[in-house]
Amino acid sequence: MYYNEKTTIFLDGKWIKATDARGGLYSQTLHYGSGVFEGIRSYKTEDGPKIFKAKEHFERLHYSAEKMHITLPYSTEELTRLSYELLERNELENAYLRPLVFLGENMALRATAETHVLLCAWNWNRYLGDHQLSVMTSSFQRPNPRSCFVDAKVTGHYTNSILATEEAKRKGYDEALLLDMNGFVAEGPGANFFFEKDEVLYTAPLGNILSGITRQTIFELCAELNIPVVEKLFTPKEVYEADGAFFTGTAAEVAAIKSLDGNNFNLSWEETLGSQLSSAYLNRVQKKEYKLFELV
């Protein structure tokens, strides 16, 4: 699914076949989850593949690395150029790109000097699919922001996401919605969350969530479309009475939600602000507005 015998990746300054790549069995990332990554999409345009918000993604990668005391030896500009070369070498247009910064051999619980940088890409459909999602409130909470940097995209953080998604799937739902330590809605396992009530959008404030780049794009689109959006704390019970809801993320894009804990929303998806924003988002990344992307 992710690679074949022809796939080329970038690893530690070299272009190699994915099938030839090797990793250390004593990597601190493998044993303890100390590593950072990004998820980025490129889209086919009339001028060739264009990476959406590469600058913002690689700046966040640098932020995550800094928070975890990891050295990232490539600038945002270098990583962007390498990402375009990655697409060209693999003849990809509509693609998902995964930069990963992982660490060398170290069994001590200390920062590791040896750093490895991987860039890979593959064709990947929307992560949560194209159907309307049945979501449950998870029994798992997002990590306490005083326990780690929840706004950094760290590999080890996603054990929490796996547990929440697996619980939801086993109970017959499509996805989970996680609360923070105080019982307020935070986000999904791999996406931010919005709900609509009386033509106003609501979403959780920063502090207990990942500052999503797609989330920020939704803010930008709302400003342009004169859609009010409010960041505030709210409980699942408030969401039960919503007119609509959706997840946002690079992999998921804008994903429609049908219900939370068996409570269907008041409007059909086609009538919601989320549906309107989904179309606007796809228009931005695929069609006329790609010329506003950050290019090198």
Protein backbone atom coordinates (compact mmCIF):
# COMPACT_ATOMS: atom_id res chain seq x y z
CA MET A 1 0.00 0.00 0.00
CA TYR A 2 2.70 2.49 0.96
CA TYR A 3 5.54 1.45 -1.33
CA ASN A 4 6.67 -1.06 -3.92
CA GLU A 5 9.93 -2.08 -5.52
CA LYS A 6 10.04 1.17 -7.53
CA THR A 7 9.36 3.58 -4.66
CA THR A 8 12.11 6.09 -3.85
CA ILE A 9 12.52 7.70 -0.45
CA PHE A 10 14.84 10.31 1.04
CA LEU A 11 16.77 9.04 4.05
CA ASP A 12 19.66 10.84 5.73
CA GLY A 13 20.72 12.85 2.71
CA LYS A 14 20.37 10.07 0.11
CA TRP A 15 17.75 8.95 -2.37
CA ILE A 16 17.28 5.20 -2.06
CA LYS A 17 14.71 2.53 -2.81
CA ALA A 18 12.20 2.04 -0.01
CA THR A 19 12.93 -1.68 -0.14
CA ASP A 20 16.60 -0.99 0.65
CA ALA A 21 15.96 1.18 3.72
CA ARG A 22 17.17 -0.01 7.11
CA GLY A 23 16.56 1.20 10.66
CA GLY A 24 18.27 0.53 13.97
CA LEU A 25 16.66 -1.94 16.36
CA TYR A 26 17.89 0.11 19.32
CA SER A 27 16.44 3.41 18.13
CA GLN A 28 15.08 5.58 20.94
CA THR A 29 12.09 6.32 18.70
CA LEU A 30 11.30 2.62 18.32
CA HIS A 31 11.62 1.87 22.04
CA TYR A 32 10.27 5.04 23.66
CA GLY A 33 8.32 6.95 21.00
CA SER A 34 10.56 10.01 20.95
CA GLY A 35 10.34 11.20 17.36
CA VAL A 36 8.41 13.83 15.40
CA PHE A 37 6.58 13.81 12.11
CA GLU A 38 4.20 15.63 9.79
CA GLY A 39 1.39 14.69 7.44
CA ILE A 40 1.24 16.80 4.27
CA ARG A 41 -0.79 16.60 1.05
CA SER A 42 0.01 17.55 -2.49
CA TYR A 43 -2.67 18.12 -5.12
CA LYS A 44 -2.76 17.88 -8.88
CA THR A 45 -3.14 21.28 -10.57
CA GLU A 46 -2.86 22.60 -14.09
CA ASP A 47 0.73 23.57 -13.24
CA GLY A 48 1.67 20.18 -11.82
CA PRO A 49 1.57 18.90 -8.24
CA LYS A 50 1.48 21.59 -5.56
CA ILE A 51 2.07 20.96 -1.86
CA PHE A 52 -0.51 22.64 0.36
CA LYS A 53 1.01 24.83 3.08
CA ALA A 54 4.44 23.18 3.03
CA LYS A 55 5.92 26.12 4.93
CA GLU A 56 3.45 25.81 7.81
CA HIS A 57 3.92 22.05 8.03
CA PHE A 58 7.70 22.17 8.12
CA GLU A 59 7.71 25.05 10.57
CA ARG A 60 5.56 22.88 12.86
CA LEU A 61 7.99 19.99 12.35
CA HIS A 62 10.81 22.26 13.54
CA TYR A 63 8.70 23.34 16.51
CA SER A 64 7.98 19.72 17.47
CA ALA A 65 11.65 18.78 17.15
CA GLU A 66 12.71 21.71 19.32
CA LYS A 67 10.23 20.76 22.04
CA MET A 68 11.56 17.18 22.08
CA HIS A 69 15.24 18.30 22.07
CA ILE A 70 15.72 16.77 18.61
CA THR A 71 18.12 18.26 16.08
CA LEU A 72 16.56 18.72 12.63
CA PRO A 73 19.43 19.50 10.24
CA TYR A 74 17.31 20.75 7.31
CA SER A 75 15.65 24.13 6.94
CA THR A 76 12.01 24.60 6.00
CA GLU A 77 13.10 25.67 2.52
CA GLU A 78 15.33 22.61 2.07
CA LEU A 79 12.60 20.25 3.22
CA THR A 80 10.14 21.86 0.81
CA ARG A 81 12.53 21.46 -2.15
CA LEU A 82 13.22 17.85 -1.20
CA SER A 83 9.49 17.17 -0.97
CA TYR A 84 8.90 18.37 -4.52
CA GLU A 85 11.79 16.21 -5.68
CA LEU A 86 10.24 13.27 -3.83
CA LEU A 87 7.01 13.74 -5.77
CA GLU A 88 8.87 14.03 -9.06
CA ARG A 89 10.98 10.93 -8.47
CA ASN A 90 7.89 8.87 -7.66
CA GLU A 91 5.66 10.43 -10.34
CA LEU A 92 3.08 11.44 -7.73
CA GLU A 93 0.56 14.29 -7.90
CA ASN A 94 -2.33 13.75 -5.49
CA ALA A 95 -0.22 12.34 -2.69
CA TYR A 96 0.27 12.14 1.04
CA LEU A 97 3.76 13.03 2.26
CA ARG A 98 5.22 11.81 5.55
CA PRO A 99 8.35 13.51 6.92
CA LEU A 100 9.65 11.62 9.96
CA VAL A 101 12.51 12.58 12.25
CA PHE A 102 13.60 9.56 14.25
CA LEU A 103 16.48 8.97 16.63
CA GLY A 104 19.51 6.76 16.88
CA GLU A 105 20.46 4.07 19.35
CA ASN A 106 19.94 5.13 22.94
CA MET A 107 18.31 3.21 25.77
CA ALA A 108 18.74 6.08 28.23
CA LEU A 109 15.90 8.52 28.88
CA ARG A 110 17.93 11.45 27.63
CA ALA A 111 18.04 13.51 24.46
CA THR A 112 19.77 11.67 21.62
CA ALA A 113 22.36 13.34 19.41
CA GLU A 114 21.96 10.95 16.47
CA THR A 115 19.10 12.06 14.24
CA HIS A 116 17.65 10.49 11.09
CA VAL A 117 15.37 12.24 8.58
CA LEU A 118 12.98 10.32 6.33
CA LEU A 119 10.76 11.71 3.56
CA CYS A 120 8.30 9.36 1.91
CA ALA A 121 5.04 9.68 -0.01
CA TRP A 122 2.23 7.55 -1.34
CA ASN A 123 -1.25 7.75 -2.83
CA TRP A 124 -3.73 7.82 0.06
CA ASN A 125 -7.45 8.43 -0.07
CA ARG A 126 -9.15 10.57 2.57
CA TYR A 127 -8.28 9.00 5.91
CA LEU A 128 -11.83 8.83 7.30
CA GLY A 129 -13.45 8.07 3.96
CA ASP A 130 -16.26 9.91 2.20
CA HIS A 131 -19.24 8.69 4.23
CA GLN A 132 -20.82 10.46 7.19
CA LEU A 133 -19.29 9.25 10.43
CA SER A 134 -20.87 7.75 13.49
CA VAL A 135 -18.76 8.98 16.42
CA MET A 136 -18.60 8.05 20.11
CA THR A 137 -17.22 9.91 23.10
CA SER A 138 -14.11 8.00 24.04
CA SER A 139 -13.37 6.67 27.50
CA PHE A 140 -9.78 7.80 26.87
CA GLN A 141 -8.76 11.41 27.48
CA ARG A 142 -6.24 13.51 25.65
CA PRO A 143 -2.96 13.79 27.58
CA ASN A 144 -2.72 16.40 30.29
CA PRO A 145 -0.87 19.37 28.70
CA ARG A 146 1.40 19.43 31.74
CA SER A 147 2.50 15.85 31.02
CA CYS A 148 3.89 16.59 27.55
CA PHE A 149 3.75 19.13 24.73
CA VAL A 150 0.34 18.28 23.30
CA ASP A 151 0.78 20.84 20.52
CA ALA A 152 3.85 19.01 19.19
CA LYS A 153 3.37 16.21 16.66
CA VAL A 154 5.27 13.49 18.50
CA THR A 155 5.20 9.84 17.46
CA GLY A 156 4.57 8.52 20.96
CA HIS A 157 1.49 10.69 21.46
CA TYR A 158 -0.41 8.58 18.94
CA THR A 159 -0.68 5.55 21.21
CA ASN A 160 -3.52 7.55 22.78
CA SER A 161 -5.09 7.94 19.34
CA ILE A 162 -4.79 4.24 18.53
CA LEU A 163 -6.50 3.26 21.78
CA ALA A 164 -9.38 5.67 21.19
CA THR A 165 -9.96 4.65 17.58
CA GLU A 166 -9.72 0.95 18.34
CA GLU A 167 -12.25 1.31 21.17
CA ALA A 168 -14.67 3.09 18.83
CA LYS A 169 -14.29 0.51 16.06
CA ARG A 170 -14.85 -2.38 18.45
CA LYS A 171 -18.05 -0.76 19.68
CA GLY A 172 -19.40 -0.33 16.15
CA TYR A 173 -18.57 3.34 15.60
CA ASP A 174 -16.49 4.90 12.85
CA GLU A 175 -14.36 7.15 15.04
CA ALA A 176 -13.86 8.56 18.54
CA LEU A 177 -14.08 12.00 20.10
CA LEU A 178 -11.74 12.60 23.04
CA LEU A 179 -12.27 14.87 26.02
CA ASP A 180 -9.65 16.78 27.96
CA MET A 181 -8.82 16.17 31.63
CA ASN A 182 -11.71 18.42 32.70
CA GLY A 183 -14.38 16.70 30.63
CA PHE A 184 -14.52 19.20 27.78
CA VAL A 185 -14.36 18.15 24.14
CA ALA A 186 -10.80 18.27 22.79
CA GLU A 187 -10.43 16.61 19.37
CA GLY A 188 -10.53 13.36 17.45
CA PRO A 189 -7.70 10.81 17.50
CA GLY A 190 -6.16 12.34 14.38
CA ALA A 191 -8.23 15.42 13.57
CA ASN A 192 -9.66 18.60 15.06
CA PHE A 193 -13.39 18.91 15.71
CA PHE A 194 -16.00 21.56 14.84
CA PHE A 195 -19.73 21.68 15.44
CA GLU A 196 -22.43 24.04 14.13
CA LYS A 197 -25.35 25.60 15.99
CA ASP A 198 -27.60 28.36 14.61
CA GLU A 199 -25.17 29.17 11.77
CA VAL A 200 -22.18 29.59 14.11
CA LEU A 201 -19.21 27.20 14.24
CA TYR A 202 -17.62 26.19 17.53
CA THR A 203 -14.32 24.45 18.20
CA ALA A 204 -12.07 23.78 21.17
CA PRO A 205 -9.43 26.41 21.99
CA LEU A 206 -5.72 25.71 21.90
CA GLY A 207 -4.21 24.26 25.03
CA ASN A 208 -5.37 20.64 24.95
CA ILE A 209 -5.27 20.02 21.20
CA LEU A 210 -2.91 19.94 18.24
CA SER A 211 -2.92 23.25 16.40
CA GLY A 212 -4.07 21.79 13.11
CA ILE A 213 -3.08 23.38 9.83
CA THR A 214 -6.38 22.32 8.25
CA ARG A 215 -8.10 23.78 11.33
CA GLN A 216 -6.39 27.10 10.63
CA THR A 217 -7.41 26.90 6.98
CA ILE A 218 -11.04 26.53 8.10
CA PHE A 219 -10.65 29.72 10.16
CA GLU A 220 -9.35 31.49 7.06
CA LEU A 221 -12.23 30.24 4.92
CA CYS A 222 -14.77 31.23 7.56
CA ALA A 223 -13.37 34.76 7.60
CA GLU A 224 -13.71 34.97 3.83
CA LEU A 225 -17.23 33.50 3.81
CA ASN A 226 -18.42 35.57 6.82
CA ILE A 227 -19.09 32.47 8.89
CA PRO A 228 -18.75 33.15 12.64
CA VAL A 229 -16.40 30.71 14.40
CA VAL A 230 -15.96 30.65 18.18
CA GLU A 231 -13.25 28.91 20.19
CA LYS A 232 -14.64 27.82 23.53
CA LEU A 233 -14.92 24.94 26.00
CA PHE A 234 -17.95 22.69 25.59
CA THR A 235 -19.20 19.26 26.65
CA PRO A 236 -20.55 16.38 24.56
CA LYS A 237 -24.09 17.19 25.73
CA GLU A 238 -23.86 20.55 23.98
CA VAL A 239 -22.79 18.78 20.79
CA TYR A 240 -25.81 16.44 20.99
CA GLU A 241 -28.03 19.41 20.12
CA ALA A 242 -25.85 20.62 17.23
CA ASP A 243 -27.03 21.23 13.70
CA GLY A 244 -23.93 19.54 12.27
CA ALA A 245 -20.31 18.63 12.94
CA PHE A 246 -17.10 17.66 11.17
CA PHE A 247 -13.48 16.69 11.66
CA THR A 248 -10.58 18.50 9.98
CA GLY A 249 -7.07 17.27 9.25
CA THR A 250 -4.58 16.95 6.43
CA ALA A 251 -5.26 13.24 5.98
CA ALA A 252 -9.02 13.53 6.61
CA GLU A 253 -9.50 16.94 4.91
CA VAL A 254 -13.08 17.91 5.99
CA ALA A 255 -14.93 14.80 7.19
CA ALA A 256 -18.68 14.85 7.79
CA ILE A 257 -20.05 13.57 11.11
CA LYS A 258 -23.59 12.19 11.25
CA SER A 259 -23.99 11.58 14.98
CA LEU A 260 -22.30 11.62 18.39
CA ASP A 261 -23.13 8.82 20.84
CA GLY A 262 -26.16 7.90 18.75
CA ASN A 263 -27.54 11.45 18.67
CA ASN A 264 -28.15 12.52 15.08
CA PHE A 265 -27.61 16.16 14.25
CA ASN A 266 -30.47 18.47 13.29
CA LEU A 267 -29.54 19.17 9.67
CA SER A 268 -28.61 16.92 6.81
CA TRP A 269 -24.93 17.24 5.90
CA GLU A 270 -25.76 19.01 2.62
CA GLU A 271 -27.51 21.80 4.58
CA THR A 272 -24.62 22.49 6.96
CA LEU A 273 -21.80 25.00 7.04
CA GLY A 274 -19.47 22.01 7.14
CA SER A 275 -20.60 20.90 3.70
CA GLN A 276 -20.06 24.41 2.37
CA LEU A 277 -16.59 24.57 3.92
CA SER A 278 -15.70 21.13 2.58
CA SER A 279 -16.35 22.35 -0.95
CA ALA A 280 -14.45 25.58 -0.30
CA TYR A 281 -11.50 23.65 1.10
CA LEU A 282 -11.28 21.34 -1.91
CA ASN A 283 -11.55 24.35 -4.20
CA ARG A 284 -8.66 25.98 -2.37
CA VAL A 285 -6.30 23.03 -2.50
CA GLN A 286 -7.15 21.62 -5.92
CA LYS A 287 -8.27 24.42 -8.18
CA LYS A 288 -8.00 28.15 -8.59
CA GLU A 289 -6.39 29.10 -5.29
CA TYR A 290 -3.32 26.85 -5.33
CA LYS A 291 -1.26 29.76 -6.69
CA LEU A 292 -1.37 31.21 -3.17
CA PHE A 293 0.63 28.26 -1.83
CA GLU A 294 4.06 28.80 -0.32
CA LEU A 295 6.57 27.96 -3.04
CA VAL A 296 10.35 27.91 -3.15
